[in-house]
């Protein structure tokens, strides 16, 4: 049975996105907020709101007891973690269950199992999902790292086993750099995740980053909502996503979908998740990691499949079958692209640019969707992620989306702070991107002046 009330343990755009989906299902929402976010729109939009601490995330949005107490005191039956903060924290998922609250996501054991990237790779190898040649578990010494690199050949990639967002990740092209990069990766991983474990992989040169959106419920339904291409990124942070990928054939799409479902079944996964792959220049794909949460770029999958992923998360967590299962297998219809509009100055190395927005006029018209929590007068805080808005454009094919995206970006007005709007306009003028040939080194090779 669907919940009566849920708590949203997040802020900003994703909090508002979850609340809107809940309202359409007749579910009341509770917002939690820091003192910094007291006047933000998601707090005003929710049915109830509870302050959980000061501006610093480690004193508010990351304090599990405060969030649990807010849920219990308001009578919420479940908690949606959004993305970021505690979304992939197994201790948080367990705390919800221990306090008779439903965690809207996979169970804690699954989060733990797939959150350890080294263990996740071994699980994928066992169930027959292709993986990049890599070390058997963590590499504990420089000598082990050197031996592995020599066995597979340079270049290699050092990756934090508990990592994400590019932290604790280092490319090594020269044996002379290995020791310094290995120690730096461990140090950064320890500082970011409290776990300095790293493993090594053979580095796939000029890959594309292609991921499969999956959903699974307690009624035996496991579905793939086609793929997203997330190759345009800076320092492993995605900036533009599109669906379907211009690099995939129908045969390759089916093969990646089958591999993603294998992965889901191998770990008995429930709720929404994403299986991320690297696609090399010869059309071979390799498992990279699994994200055990909804992703920032989920709207492009919604646009090409007609599925509301957040609503399906709520249905699955409530024990209901997902409403879209009868439509599987999914074939993409149309094309969609998402542009992340961040409060960053691309002309100065993407320097963060917090401040007050003095004018906010989002684009509109056919095929245009804007996900944002800000309005004119909103303040972009230096304490949190710099995202201001997500611009999603949809059309019958990629050509229409490119034209519509340029039109929408030109219409989008944000004043008072620097944003990445000019960067996205430049990308759409780039011939490599327009031809659908962007790899993960796109910014380095095509826009080196911005680095």
Protein backbone atom coordinates (compact mmCIF):
# COMPACT_ATOMS: atom_id res chain seq x y z
CA UNK A 1 0.00 0.00 0.00
CA UNK A 2 1.28 3.46 -0.88
CA UNK A 3 2.70 5.60 1.92
CA UNK A 4 0.70 8.42 3.51
CA UNK A 5 3.78 10.52 4.28
CA UNK A 6 7.48 10.42 3.42
CA UNK A 7 10.48 12.46 4.52
CA UNK A 8 12.92 13.73 1.89
CA UNK A 9 16.44 13.63 3.30
CA UNK A 10 17.95 16.07 0.83
CA UNK A 11 17.79 19.62 -0.43
CA UNK A 12 17.55 21.70 -3.58
CA UNK A 13 16.45 20.42 -6.96
CA UNK A 14 16.24 16.72 -6.09
CA UNK A 15 14.18 17.37 -2.94
CA UNK A 16 11.65 19.31 -4.98
CA UNK A 17 11.61 16.63 -7.69
CA UNK A 18 10.74 13.93 -5.13
CA UNK A 19 8.10 16.10 -3.47
CA UNK A 20 6.35 16.77 -6.76
CA UNK A 21 6.20 13.07 -7.61
CA UNK A 22 4.89 12.30 -4.13
CA UNK A 23 2.18 14.95 -4.38
CA UNK A 24 0.93 13.46 -7.65
CA UNK A 25 0.60 10.11 -5.84
CA UNK A 26 -1.29 11.72 -2.95
CA UNK A 27 1.62 11.33 -0.54
CA UNK A 28 2.43 14.10 1.96
CA UNK A 29 6.05 15.18 2.34
CA UNK A 30 8.35 16.34 5.12
CA UNK A 31 11.37 18.48 4.27
CA UNK A 32 14.47 18.60 6.42
CA UNK A 33 16.66 21.66 6.15
CA UNK A 34 19.70 23.40 7.52
CA UNK A 35 19.54 26.96 8.81
CA UNK A 36 21.17 27.98 5.51
CA UNK A 37 18.23 26.55 3.54
CA UNK A 38 15.37 27.82 5.72
CA UNK A 39 13.95 30.09 3.00
CA UNK A 40 14.40 27.79 0.00
CA UNK A 41 11.49 26.74 -2.19
CA UNK A 42 11.51 22.99 -1.33
CA UNK A 43 11.02 23.89 2.34
CA UNK A 44 8.05 26.08 1.41
CA UNK A 45 6.64 23.47 -0.98
CA UNK A 46 6.62 20.56 1.50
CA UNK A 47 3.69 19.80 3.78
CA UNK A 48 5.93 19.94 6.86
CA UNK A 49 9.51 21.01 7.48
CA UNK A 50 12.01 20.31 10.24
CA UNK A 51 15.31 22.09 10.84
CA UNK A 52 18.07 19.55 11.46
CA UNK A 53 21.12 21.72 12.07
CA UNK A 54 23.43 24.52 10.90
CA UNK A 55 24.72 25.14 7.38
CA UNK A 56 27.58 22.66 7.37
CA UNK A 57 26.41 19.36 5.85
CA UNK A 58 28.25 17.31 8.47
CA UNK A 59 26.14 19.04 11.12
CA UNK A 60 22.80 18.76 9.30
CA UNK A 61 22.20 16.72 6.13
CA UNK A 62 24.73 14.06 7.13
CA UNK A 63 23.56 13.64 10.73
CA UNK A 64 21.59 10.39 10.70
CA UNK A 65 20.03 10.64 14.20
CA UNK A 66 18.60 14.09 13.42
CA UNK A 67 16.98 12.88 10.20
CA UNK A 68 15.56 9.75 11.83
CA UNK A 69 14.16 11.83 14.69
CA UNK A 70 12.52 14.22 12.21
CA UNK A 71 10.85 11.31 10.44
CA UNK A 72 9.62 9.73 13.68
CA UNK A 73 8.36 13.00 15.13
CA UNK A 74 6.36 13.88 12.01
CA UNK A 75 4.89 10.42 11.48
CA UNK A 76 6.65 9.77 8.17
CA UNK A 77 6.63 6.13 7.10
CA UNK A 78 9.55 6.23 4.70
CA UNK A 79 12.61 8.28 3.75
CA UNK A 80 13.76 9.16 0.23
CA UNK A 81 17.48 10.03 0.25
CA UNK A 82 17.67 11.70 -3.18
CA UNK A 83 21.24 11.64 -4.47
CA UNK A 84 24.43 12.73 -2.72
CA UNK A 85 24.60 13.16 1.05
CA UNK A 86 23.36 9.85 2.57
CA UNK A 87 21.87 8.31 -0.58
CA UNK A 88 24.46 5.51 -0.76
CA UNK A 89 25.17 5.21 2.96
CA UNK A 90 24.49 1.68 4.20
CA UNK A 91 24.41 2.81 7.85
CA UNK A 92 21.62 5.25 7.01
CA UNK A 93 19.62 2.54 5.24
CA UNK A 94 20.03 0.28 8.29
CA UNK A 95 19.06 3.07 10.68
CA UNK A 96 15.82 3.56 8.75
CA UNK A 97 14.94 -0.14 9.02
CA UNK A 98 15.94 -0.26 12.70
CA UNK A 99 13.50 2.58 13.37
CA UNK A 100 10.59 1.01 11.41
CA UNK A 101 11.06 3.38 8.49
CA UNK A 102 11.22 2.29 4.86
CA UNK A 103 14.38 3.36 3.04
CA UNK A 104 13.36 4.25 -0.51
CA UNK A 105 16.21 2.48 -2.22
CA UNK A 106 18.03 -0.86 -2.07
CA UNK A 107 18.80 -2.60 1.20
CA UNK A 108 21.92 -1.81 3.20
CA UNK A 109 23.73 -5.03 2.27
CA UNK A 110 23.31 -4.28 -1.42
CA UNK A 111 24.53 -0.70 -0.98
CA UNK A 112 27.59 -2.01 0.84
CA UNK A 113 28.26 -4.74 -1.67
CA UNK A 114 28.07 -2.49 -4.71
CA UNK A 115 29.63 0.52 -2.97
CA UNK A 116 32.91 -1.38 -2.65
CA UNK A 117 34.00 -1.06 -6.26
CA UNK A 118 36.61 -3.79 -6.03
CA UNK A 119 34.08 -6.28 -4.64
CA UNK A 120 31.50 -5.12 -7.20
CA UNK A 121 33.90 -5.91 -10.04
CA UNK A 122 34.42 -9.42 -8.72
CA UNK A 123 30.66 -9.94 -8.47
CA UNK A 124 30.22 -8.81 -12.08
CA UNK A 125 32.98 -11.11 -13.31
CA UNK A 126 31.31 -14.03 -11.56
CA UNK A 127 27.92 -13.41 -13.18
CA UNK A 128 29.36 -12.93 -16.66
CA UNK A 129 29.24 -9.15 -17.04
CA UNK A 130 32.32 -7.87 -18.95
CA UNK A 131 34.85 -6.04 -16.76
CA UNK A 132 38.02 -4.10 -17.47
CA UNK A 133 41.13 -6.16 -16.62
CA UNK A 134 41.92 -5.22 -13.04
CA UNK A 135 43.57 -6.25 -9.80
CA UNK A 136 42.09 -8.98 -7.64
CA UNK A 137 40.89 -6.81 -4.79
CA UNK A 138 42.69 -3.86 -3.25
CA UNK A 139 46.35 -3.08 -3.89
CA UNK A 140 48.06 -2.53 -0.54
CA UNK A 141 51.58 -1.55 -1.54
CA UNK A 142 53.42 0.36 -4.26
CA UNK A 143 55.24 -2.87 -5.15
CA UNK A 144 51.93 -4.66 -5.81
CA UNK A 145 50.75 -1.72 -7.89
CA UNK A 146 53.94 -1.78 -9.96
CA UNK A 147 53.68 -5.53 -10.53
CA UNK A 148 50.07 -5.26 -11.74
CA UNK A 149 50.82 -2.34 -14.04
CA UNK A 150 53.71 -4.21 -15.61
CA UNK A 151 51.54 -7.31 -16.13
CA UNK A 152 48.76 -5.51 -18.06
CA UNK A 153 50.82 -2.68 -19.50
CA UNK A 154 50.51 1.07 -19.16
CA UNK A 155 48.42 3.17 -18.95
CA UNK A 156 46.58 2.09 -15.80
CA UNK A 157 43.91 3.68 -13.64
CA UNK A 158 44.09 3.82 -9.84
CA UNK A 159 40.60 3.92 -8.29
CA UNK A 160 39.32 4.28 -4.72
CA UNK A 161 37.35 1.19 -3.78
CA UNK A 162 34.84 3.31 -1.83
CA UNK A 163 35.02 6.20 -4.27
CA UNK A 164 32.81 8.34 -6.41
CA UNK A 165 32.87 11.65 -8.27
CA UNK A 166 36.43 11.13 -9.41
CA UNK A 167 37.93 11.33 -5.91
CA UNK A 168 40.79 8.93 -5.29
CA UNK A 169 41.20 8.33 -9.03
CA UNK A 170 44.48 8.76 -10.90
CA UNK A 171 45.64 7.93 -14.42
CA UNK A 172 49.21 6.67 -14.73
CA UNK A 173 50.83 6.69 -18.18
CA UNK A 174 54.48 6.56 -17.12
CA UNK A 175 56.01 4.02 -14.69
CA UNK A 176 57.97 6.87 -13.10
CA UNK A 177 54.69 8.46 -11.96
CA UNK A 178 53.19 5.36 -10.39
CA UNK A 179 54.39 5.67 -6.80
CA UNK A 180 53.41 9.35 -6.43
CA UNK A 181 50.01 8.82 -8.02
CA UNK A 182 49.33 5.70 -5.95
CA UNK A 183 50.10 7.49 -2.69
CA UNK A 184 48.09 10.55 -3.74
CA UNK A 185 45.06 8.41 -4.63
CA UNK A 186 45.16 6.64 -1.26
CA UNK A 187 45.51 9.90 0.62
CA UNK A 188 42.60 11.51 -1.23
CA UNK A 189 40.41 8.43 -0.84
CA UNK A 190 41.06 8.27 2.89
CA UNK A 191 40.21 11.95 3.34
CA UNK A 192 37.05 11.77 1.21
CA UNK A 193 35.58 8.41 2.22
CA UNK A 194 37.30 7.31 5.43
CA UNK A 195 38.64 4.34 3.44
CA UNK A 196 42.00 4.60 1.65
CA UNK A 197 41.71 1.30 -0.20
CA UNK A 198 42.47 1.44 -3.94
CA UNK A 199 42.56 -1.03 -6.80
CA UNK A 200 44.02 -0.84 -10.30
CA UNK A 201 42.52 -1.31 -13.75
CA UNK A 202 43.86 -1.24 -17.25
CA UNK A 203 43.01 2.24 -18.56
CA UNK A 204 40.64 2.17 -21.53
CA UNK A 205 41.76 4.97 -23.83
CA UNK A 206 39.21 7.40 -25.29
CA UNK A 207 36.16 5.53 -24.01
CA UNK A 208 32.56 6.64 -23.93
CA UNK A 209 30.68 6.57 -20.64
CA UNK A 210 27.37 4.79 -21.23
CA UNK A 211 25.04 3.74 -18.43
CA UNK A 212 21.85 1.69 -18.19
CA UNK A 213 18.97 2.82 -15.98
CA UNK A 214 17.42 -0.15 -14.17
CA UNK A 215 14.37 -0.76 -12.00
CA UNK A 216 13.55 -3.88 -9.97
CA UNK A 217 10.67 -4.66 -7.61
CA UNK A 218 9.61 -7.43 -5.19
CA UNK A 219 7.31 -8.99 -7.78
CA UNK A 220 9.99 -10.41 -10.05
CA UNK A 221 10.17 -7.48 -12.44
CA UNK A 222 13.62 -6.38 -13.64
CA UNK A 223 13.69 -3.80 -16.41
CA UNK A 224 16.22 -1.63 -18.25
CA UNK A 225 15.07 1.84 -19.32
CA UNK A 226 17.55 2.06 -22.19
CA UNK A 227 20.87 3.89 -21.94
CA UNK A 228 22.32 7.33 -21.29
CA UNK A 229 25.54 8.69 -22.76
CA UNK A 230 27.45 10.71 -20.14
CA UNK A 231 30.74 11.15 -21.96
CA UNK A 232 30.98 14.95 -21.65
CA UNK A 233 32.54 15.38 -18.23
CA UNK A 234 35.20 17.34 -16.43
CA UNK A 235 37.38 15.64 -13.85
CA UNK A 236 34.96 12.69 -13.89
CA UNK A 237 31.98 14.97 -13.17
CA UNK A 238 29.23 14.72 -15.78
CA UNK A 239 28.17 17.95 -17.47
CA UNK A 240 25.93 16.86 -20.36
CA UNK A 241 23.95 13.62 -20.72
CA UNK A 242 21.86 12.33 -23.57
CA UNK A 243 19.64 9.39 -24.37
CA UNK A 244 19.83 7.30 -26.40
CA UNK A 245 23.59 7.18 -26.98
CA UNK A 246 24.60 8.14 -30.52
CA UNK A 247 27.32 5.47 -30.31
CA UNK A 248 25.08 2.41 -29.83
CA UNK A 249 23.63 0.09 -32.42
CA UNK A 250 20.44 -1.83 -31.65
CA UNK A 251 22.51 -4.97 -31.14
CA UNK A 252 24.86 -3.25 -28.69
CA UNK A 253 21.90 -1.67 -26.85
CA UNK A 254 20.34 -5.09 -26.33
CA UNK A 255 23.64 -6.59 -25.17
CA UNK A 256 24.23 -3.83 -22.62
CA UNK A 257 20.65 -4.12 -21.38
CA UNK A 258 21.05 -7.87 -20.89
CA UNK A 259 24.32 -7.33 -19.01
CA UNK A 260 22.67 -4.72 -16.77
CA UNK A 261 19.83 -7.07 -15.86
CA UNK A 262 22.37 -9.81 -15.11
CA UNK A 263 24.04 -7.40 -12.69
CA UNK A 264 20.76 -6.53 -11.00
CA UNK A 265 19.82 -10.17 -10.51
CA UNK A 266 23.30 -11.11 -9.29
CA UNK A 267 22.95 -8.83 -6.25
CA UNK A 268 19.18 -9.26 -5.79
CA UNK A 269 18.74 -5.53 -6.33
CA UNK A 270 15.52 -3.60 -5.60
CA UNK A 271 14.41 -0.07 -6.55
CA UNK A 272 16.14 2.27 -9.05
CA UNK A 273 19.81 2.02 -9.90
CA UNK A 274 22.29 2.53 -12.69
CA UNK A 275 24.86 0.17 -14.19
CA UNK A 276 27.71 2.21 -15.64
CA UNK A 277 29.85 0.95 -18.51
CA UNK A 278 32.89 2.08 -20.47
CA UNK A 279 32.51 1.63 -24.23
CA UNK A 280 35.77 1.42 -26.18
CA UNK A 281 36.44 2.49 -29.74
CA UNK A 282 35.93 -1.01 -31.11
CA UNK A 283 32.48 -1.45 -29.55
CA UNK A 284 33.44 -3.54 -26.51
CA UNK A 285 31.88 -2.51 -23.21
CA UNK A 286 33.04 -3.06 -19.64
CA UNK A 287 31.34 -2.75 -16.25
CA UNK A 288 32.59 0.29 -14.35
CA UNK A 289 30.35 0.62 -11.29
CA UNK A 290 26.79 0.53 -10.01
CA UNK A 291 25.08 3.57 -8.52
CA UNK A 292 22.58 2.40 -5.93
CA UNK A 293 20.34 5.48 -6.13
CA UNK A 294 18.51 7.70 -8.54
CA UNK A 295 20.90 9.81 -10.64
CA UNK A 296 21.04 13.50 -11.51
CA UNK A 297 20.49 12.63 -15.16
CA UNK A 298 17.41 10.44 -14.71
CA UNK A 299 15.12 12.90 -16.60
CA UNK A 300 16.60 12.01 -19.99
CA UNK A 301 15.61 8.39 -19.45
CA UNK A 302 12.14 9.51 -18.43
CA UNK A 303 11.78 11.54 -21.62
CA UNK A 304 12.63 8.67 -24.00
CA UNK A 305 10.59 6.01 -22.15
CA UNK A 306 7.64 7.87 -20.64
CA UNK A 307 8.41 6.43 -17.18
CA UNK A 308 8.39 8.57 -14.02
CA UNK A 309 11.36 7.01 -12.23
CA UNK A 310 10.70 8.73 -8.89
CA UNK A 311 7.11 7.51 -8.78
CA UNK A 312 8.30 4.00 -9.56
CA UNK A 313 10.78 4.27 -6.67
CA UNK A 314 7.92 5.08 -4.32
CA UNK A 315 5.76 2.24 -5.65
CA UNK A 316 8.57 -0.30 -5.33
CA UNK A 317 9.46 0.82 -1.79
CA UNK A 318 5.78 0.57 -0.81
CA UNK A 319 5.75 -3.07 -1.93
CA UNK A 320 3.73 -2.45 -5.07
CA UNK A 321 4.71 -3.73 -8.52
CA UNK A 322 6.14 -1.05 -10.78
CA UNK A 323 3.52 0.32 -13.14
CA UNK A 324 5.71 0.19 -16.25
CA UNK A 325 6.76 -3.48 -16.16
CA UNK A 326 4.23 -4.57 -18.80
CA UNK A 327 5.85 -2.25 -21.33
CA UNK A 328 9.26 -3.93 -21.18
CA UNK A 329 11.49 -4.39 -23.09
CA UNK A 330 11.81 -0.67 -23.69
CA UNK A 331 12.83 0.85 -27.00
CA UNK A 332 13.76 4.54 -26.93
CA UNK A 333 11.42 6.93 -28.65
CA UNK A 334 12.77 10.33 -29.59
CA UNK A 335 15.93 11.86 -28.16
CA UNK A 336 16.70 13.82 -24.98
CA UNK A 337 19.64 15.83 -23.66
CA UNK A 338 20.35 17.29 -20.22
CA UNK A 339 22.60 20.28 -19.51
CA UNK A 340 23.74 20.77 -15.92
CA UNK A 341 23.66 24.48 -15.15
CA UNK A 342 26.11 25.04 -12.29
CA UNK A 343 27.13 28.18 -10.41
CA UNK A 344 30.65 28.00 -11.82
CA UNK A 345 32.70 30.29 -14.02
CA UNK A 346 33.93 28.27 -17.02
CA UNK A 347 36.20 31.12 -18.15
CA UNK A 348 38.20 30.79 -14.93
CA UNK A 349 38.66 27.06 -14.54
CA UNK A 350 35.04 26.42 -13.52
CA UNK A 351 35.63 28.37 -10.32
CA UNK A 352 32.63 28.10 -7.91
CA UNK A 353 30.47 31.22 -7.98
CA UNK A 354 28.03 31.31 -5.05
CA UNK A 355 25.85 34.36 -4.55
CA UNK A 356 22.37 35.78 -5.03
CA UNK A 357 20.51 35.32 -8.28
CA UNK A 358 19.16 38.72 -9.30
CA UNK A 359 17.30 37.46 -12.37
CA UNK A 360 16.14 33.93 -13.20
CA UNK A 361 14.16 33.38 -16.39
CA UNK A 362 14.11 29.74 -17.53
CA UNK A 363 13.28 28.80 -21.11
CA UNK A 364 9.96 27.27 -22.12
CA UNK A 365 8.18 26.03 -25.22
CA UNK A 366 7.83 22.58 -26.83
CA UNK A 367 10.18 19.88 -25.60
CA UNK A 368 11.77 21.95 -22.84
CA UNK A 369 11.87 20.87 -19.18
CA UNK A 370 13.68 22.74 -16.41
CA UNK A 371 14.38 21.12 -13.03
CA UNK A 372 15.38 23.75 -10.48
CA UNK A 373 14.67 24.95 -6.97
CA UNK A 374 15.76 28.55 -7.50
CA UNK A 375 13.90 31.73 -8.38
CA UNK A 376 14.90 35.36 -8.69
CA UNK A 377 16.31 36.31 -5.29
CA UNK A 378 17.47 32.79 -4.42
CA UNK A 379 20.92 32.44 -2.91
CA UNK A 380 23.36 29.80 -4.13
CA UNK A 381 25.16 28.68 -0.99
CA UNK A 382 28.90 28.00 -0.83
CA UNK A 383 28.20 25.08 1.51
CA UNK A 384 26.63 22.72 -1.01
CA UNK A 385 26.72 21.48 -4.58
CA UNK A 386 26.82 24.28 -7.14
CA UNK A 387 23.94 23.07 -9.28
CA UNK A 388 21.42 25.79 -10.13
CA UNK A 389 19.23 23.96 -12.63
CA UNK A 390 19.01 21.10 -15.10
CA UNK A 391 17.83 21.94 -18.59
CA UNK A 392 16.33 18.93 -20.38
CA UNK A 393 15.31 19.15 -24.01
CA UNK A 394 13.41 16.49 -25.95
CA UNK A 395 12.71 16.02 -29.64
CA UNK A 396 11.90 13.46 -32.29
CA UNK A 397 15.59 12.98 -33.15
CA UNK A 398 19.05 14.22 -32.18
CA UNK A 399 19.09 16.97 -34.80
CA UNK A 400 15.93 18.49 -33.38
CA UNK A 401 17.32 18.24 -29.86
CA UNK A 402 20.53 20.05 -30.85
CA UNK A 403 18.52 22.90 -32.37
CA UNK A 404 16.07 22.98 -29.46
CA UNK A 405 18.91 22.86 -26.94
CA UNK A 406 20.60 25.86 -28.52
CA UNK A 407 17.32 27.77 -28.58
CA UNK A 408 16.61 26.96 -24.92
CA UNK A 409 20.14 27.85 -23.80
CA UNK A 410 19.88 31.19 -25.59
CA UNK A 411 16.56 31.88 -23.82
CA UNK A 412 17.88 30.93 -20.37
CA UNK A 413 18.70 34.06 -18.35
CA UNK A 414 20.54 33.85 -15.02
CA UNK A 415 22.07 37.02 -13.61
CA UNK A 416 23.91 37.84 -10.40
CA UNK A 417 26.28 34.86 -10.59
CA UNK A 418 28.42 33.21 -13.25
CA UNK A 419 27.06 29.92 -14.60
CA UNK A 420 27.99 27.21 -17.08
CA UNK A 421 25.44 28.44 -19.64
CA UNK A 422 28.19 29.84 -21.94
CA UNK A 423 30.06 26.52 -21.75
CA UNK A 424 27.03 24.57 -22.93
CA UNK A 425 26.50 26.96 -25.84
CA UNK A 426 30.11 26.36 -26.88
CA UNK A 427 29.64 22.60 -26.71
CA UNK A 428 26.65 22.78 -29.03
CA UNK A 429 28.78 24.70 -31.54
CA UNK A 430 31.49 22.02 -31.50
CA UNK A 431 31.53 19.78 -34.57
CA UNK A 432 32.78 16.67 -32.71
CA UNK A 433 29.87 16.92 -30.27
CA UNK A 434 27.35 17.69 -33.01
CA UNK A 435 28.46 14.55 -34.84
CA UNK A 436 27.88 12.48 -31.70
CA UNK A 437 31.54 11.50 -31.36
CA UNK A 438 32.42 12.96 -27.94
CA UNK A 439 34.48 10.69 -25.67
CA UNK A 440 35.36 11.22 -22.02
CA UNK A 441 38.38 13.29 -23.07
CA UNK A 442 36.15 15.75 -24.98
CA UNK A 443 36.88 18.79 -22.79
CA UNK A 444 40.63 18.11 -22.73
CA UNK A 445 40.86 17.64 -26.49
CA UNK A 446 38.24 20.13 -27.68
CA UNK A 447 38.14 22.82 -24.99
CA UNK A 448 41.59 22.81 -23.45
CA UNK A 449 41.48 26.58 -22.93
CA UNK A 450 38.89 26.04 -20.17
CA UNK A 451 41.11 23.78 -18.07
